[in-house]
Amino acid sequence: MTITSSTFAAGPAQIDSRVWITETHVDSVAGPLLFAYLAANTTNAAAVMAARVPQINAQLADAEFEALLGAG
């Protein structure tokens, strides 16, 4: 399993100018994985999202490996 697509949306600015960022990552099996965080308005959300994809892929691979071990 790997991430097949990723998108993000930024919410309206809060009183302190931070924004809620919601990332949606879709894999080939389990469906959407959501991540939300409050970030500075100057945060490069696309870079944060792109950096998260390899981490998610590694976690999915670990989970798939563990499932295969348990099925044996």
N, C-alpha and C. Protein backbone atom coordinates (compact mmCIF):
# COMPACT_ATOMS: atom_id res chain seq x y z
N MET A 1 0.84 -1.18 0.00
CA MET A 1 0.00 0.00 0.00
C MET A 1 0.88 1.24 0.00
N THR A 2 0.49 2.18 -0.79
CA THR A 2 1.16 3.47 -0.79
C THR A 2 0.13 4.57 -0.99
N ILE A 3 0.52 5.77 -0.68
CA ILE A 3 -0.35 6.92 -0.88
C ILE A 3 -0.47 7.18 -2.38
N THR A 4 -1.70 7.30 -2.86
CA THR A 4 -1.92 7.54 -4.29
C THR A 4 -2.24 9.00 -4.59
N SER A 5 -2.76 9.74 -3.61
CA SER A 5 -3.00 11.17 -3.81
C SER A 5 -3.05 11.88 -2.46
N SER A 6 -2.70 13.14 -2.48
CA SER A 6 -2.72 13.96 -1.27
C SER A 6 -3.20 15.36 -1.62
N THR A 7 -4.02 15.91 -0.73
CA THR A 7 -4.49 17.28 -0.89
C THR A 7 -4.49 17.94 0.48
N PHE A 8 -4.56 19.27 0.48
CA PHE A 8 -4.71 19.98 1.75
C PHE A 8 -5.64 21.15 1.56
N ALA A 9 -6.22 21.58 2.66
CA ALA A 9 -7.07 22.77 2.67
C ALA A 9 -6.70 23.60 3.88
N ALA A 10 -6.66 24.91 3.69
CA ALA A 10 -6.38 25.83 4.79
C ALA A 10 -7.68 26.51 5.19
N GLY A 11 -7.93 26.52 6.48
CA GLY A 11 -9.12 27.18 7.00
C GLY A 11 -8.89 28.68 7.13
N PRO A 12 -9.92 29.38 7.59
CA PRO A 12 -9.77 30.83 7.77
C PRO A 12 -8.78 31.16 8.88
N ALA A 13 -8.17 32.31 8.78
CA ALA A 13 -7.19 32.75 9.79
C ALA A 13 -7.88 32.91 11.14
N GLN A 14 -7.20 32.45 12.18
CA GLN A 14 -7.68 32.61 13.54
C GLN A 14 -7.33 34.01 14.03
N ILE A 15 -7.74 34.35 15.22
CA ILE A 15 -7.49 35.68 15.76
C ILE A 15 -5.99 35.98 15.87
N ASP A 16 -5.18 34.93 16.06
CA ASP A 16 -3.73 35.11 16.16
C ASP A 16 -3.03 34.91 14.81
N SER A 17 -3.80 34.85 13.75
CA SER A 17 -3.38 34.71 12.35
C SER A 17 -2.96 33.29 11.96
N ARG A 18 -3.00 32.35 12.90
CA ARG A 18 -2.72 30.97 12.51
C ARG A 18 -3.91 30.39 11.76
N VAL A 19 -3.68 29.33 11.00
CA VAL A 19 -4.73 28.69 10.22
C VAL A 19 -4.74 27.19 10.49
N TRP A 20 -5.94 26.61 10.44
CA TRP A 20 -6.04 25.15 10.51
C TRP A 20 -5.76 24.59 9.13
N ILE A 21 -4.86 23.63 9.07
CA ILE A 21 -4.55 22.93 7.83
C ILE A 21 -5.09 21.51 7.98
N THR A 22 -5.84 21.07 6.98
CA THR A 22 -6.35 19.70 6.97
C THR A 22 -5.78 19.01 5.75
N GLU A 23 -5.03 17.93 5.98
CA GLU A 23 -4.47 17.14 4.89
C GLU A 23 -5.32 15.89 4.71
N THR A 24 -5.51 15.49 3.46
CA THR A 24 -6.18 14.24 3.14
C THR A 24 -5.25 13.44 2.25
N HIS A 25 -4.91 12.25 2.72
CA HIS A 25 -4.04 11.34 1.96
C HIS A 25 -4.86 10.09 1.66
N VAL A 26 -4.84 9.66 0.41
CA VAL A 26 -5.60 8.48 0.01
C VAL A 26 -4.62 7.40 -0.39
N ASP A 27 -4.81 6.20 0.20
CA ASP A 27 -3.97 5.07 -0.19
C ASP A 27 -4.78 4.15 -1.09
N SER A 28 -4.14 3.10 -1.58
CA SER A 28 -4.78 2.21 -2.54
C SER A 28 -5.73 1.20 -1.91
N VAL A 29 -5.80 1.15 -0.57
CA VAL A 29 -6.62 0.14 0.08
C VAL A 29 -7.56 0.71 1.13
N ALA A 30 -7.03 1.40 2.11
CA ALA A 30 -7.79 1.78 3.30
C ALA A 30 -8.65 3.02 3.12
N GLY A 31 -8.36 3.83 2.11
CA GLY A 31 -9.14 5.05 1.94
C GLY A 31 -8.45 6.26 2.51
N PRO A 32 -9.21 7.32 2.79
CA PRO A 32 -8.58 8.58 3.20
C PRO A 32 -8.01 8.54 4.61
N LEU A 33 -6.86 9.16 4.76
CA LEU A 33 -6.21 9.36 6.06
C LEU A 33 -6.17 10.88 6.26
N LEU A 34 -6.68 11.35 7.39
CA LEU A 34 -6.78 12.78 7.64
C LEU A 34 -5.80 13.22 8.71
N PHE A 35 -5.19 14.36 8.50
CA PHE A 35 -4.31 14.99 9.48
C PHE A 35 -4.69 16.46 9.56
N ALA A 36 -4.82 16.98 10.76
CA ALA A 36 -5.14 18.40 10.94
C ALA A 36 -4.16 19.01 11.93
N TYR A 37 -3.75 20.24 11.65
CA TYR A 37 -2.85 20.93 12.56
C TYR A 37 -3.04 22.44 12.42
N LEU A 38 -2.72 23.14 13.48
CA LEU A 38 -2.78 24.59 13.50
C LEU A 38 -1.40 25.12 13.18
N ALA A 39 -1.31 25.96 12.17
CA ALA A 39 0.00 26.40 11.69
C ALA A 39 0.06 27.91 11.52
N ALA A 40 1.27 28.43 11.53
CA ALA A 40 1.47 29.84 11.23
C ALA A 40 0.97 30.11 9.81
N ASN A 41 0.46 31.27 9.60
CA ASN A 41 -0.10 31.62 8.30
C ASN A 41 0.95 31.55 7.19
N THR A 42 2.22 31.58 7.54
CA THR A 42 3.30 31.53 6.55
C THR A 42 3.83 30.11 6.30
N THR A 43 3.23 29.12 6.96
CA THR A 43 3.68 27.73 6.81
C THR A 43 3.45 27.27 5.37
N ASN A 44 4.44 26.58 4.83
CA ASN A 44 4.32 26.00 3.50
C ASN A 44 3.62 24.65 3.64
N ALA A 45 2.30 24.66 3.59
CA ALA A 45 1.51 23.45 3.83
C ALA A 45 1.79 22.38 2.78
N ALA A 46 2.08 22.77 1.55
CA ALA A 46 2.39 21.79 0.51
C ALA A 46 3.66 21.03 0.85
N ALA A 47 4.66 21.72 1.37
CA ALA A 47 5.92 21.06 1.75
C ALA A 47 5.71 20.13 2.95
N VAL A 48 4.92 20.58 3.92
CA VAL A 48 4.62 19.74 5.09
C VAL A 48 3.90 18.47 4.64
N MET A 49 2.91 18.64 3.76
CA MET A 49 2.15 17.49 3.25
C MET A 49 3.07 16.54 2.49
N ALA A 50 3.90 17.06 1.63
CA ALA A 50 4.81 16.22 0.84
C ALA A 50 5.79 15.47 1.73
N ALA A 51 6.24 16.10 2.80
CA ALA A 51 7.18 15.45 3.72
C ALA A 51 6.49 14.35 4.53
N ARG A 52 5.18 14.47 4.72
CA ARG A 52 4.45 13.48 5.50
C ARG A 52 4.23 12.18 4.71
N VAL A 53 4.15 12.26 3.38
CA VAL A 53 3.84 11.10 2.55
C VAL A 53 4.82 9.94 2.76
N PRO A 54 6.15 10.15 2.74
CA PRO A 54 7.06 9.02 2.97
C PRO A 54 6.87 8.40 4.36
N GLN A 55 6.55 9.23 5.35
CA GLN A 55 6.32 8.71 6.70
C GLN A 55 5.08 7.81 6.71
N ILE A 56 4.02 8.26 6.06
CA ILE A 56 2.80 7.45 6.00
C ILE A 56 3.06 6.17 5.24
N ASN A 57 3.76 6.26 4.12
CA ASN A 57 4.07 5.05 3.34
C ASN A 57 4.85 4.03 4.17
N ALA A 58 5.80 4.51 4.96
CA ALA A 58 6.57 3.60 5.82
C ALA A 58 5.67 2.96 6.87
N GLN A 59 4.77 3.73 7.46
CA GLN A 59 3.85 3.18 8.46
C GLN A 59 2.90 2.17 7.83
N LEU A 60 2.42 2.45 6.62
CA LEU A 60 1.55 1.51 5.93
C LEU A 60 2.29 0.21 5.61
N ALA A 61 3.53 0.33 5.17
CA ALA A 61 4.34 -0.86 4.87
C ALA A 61 4.58 -1.69 6.13
N ASP A 62 4.88 -1.02 7.24
CA ASP A 62 5.07 -1.73 8.50
C ASP A 62 3.80 -2.46 8.92
N ALA A 63 2.67 -1.79 8.80
CA ALA A 63 1.39 -2.40 9.18
C ALA A 63 1.06 -3.58 8.30
N GLU A 64 1.34 -3.46 6.99
CA GLU A 64 1.10 -4.56 6.07
C GLU A 64 2.00 -5.75 6.41
N PHE A 65 3.26 -5.49 6.73
CA PHE A 65 4.19 -6.54 7.11
C PHE A 65 3.72 -7.24 8.38
N GLU A 66 3.32 -6.46 9.37
CA GLU A 66 2.84 -7.03 10.63
C GLU A 66 1.60 -7.88 10.39
N ALA A 67 0.70 -7.43 9.51
CA ALA A 67 -0.51 -8.19 9.20
C ALA A 67 -0.16 -9.50 8.53
N LEU A 68 0.83 -9.48 7.64
CA LEU A 68 1.25 -10.71 6.99
C LEU A 68 1.86 -11.69 7.97
N LEU A 69 2.62 -11.19 8.92
CA LEU A 69 3.20 -12.05 9.95
C LEU A 69 2.12 -12.68 10.80
N GLY A 70 1.11 -11.90 11.13
CA GLY A 70 0.00 -12.40 11.95
C GLY A 70 -0.88 -13.39 11.20
N ALA A 71 -0.90 -13.29 9.88
CA ALA A 71 -1.75 -14.19 9.09
C ALA A 71 -1.09 -15.55 8.88
N GLY A 72 0.19 -15.62 9.14
CA GLY A 72 0.94 -16.85 8.87
C GLY A 72 0.82 -17.78 9.95
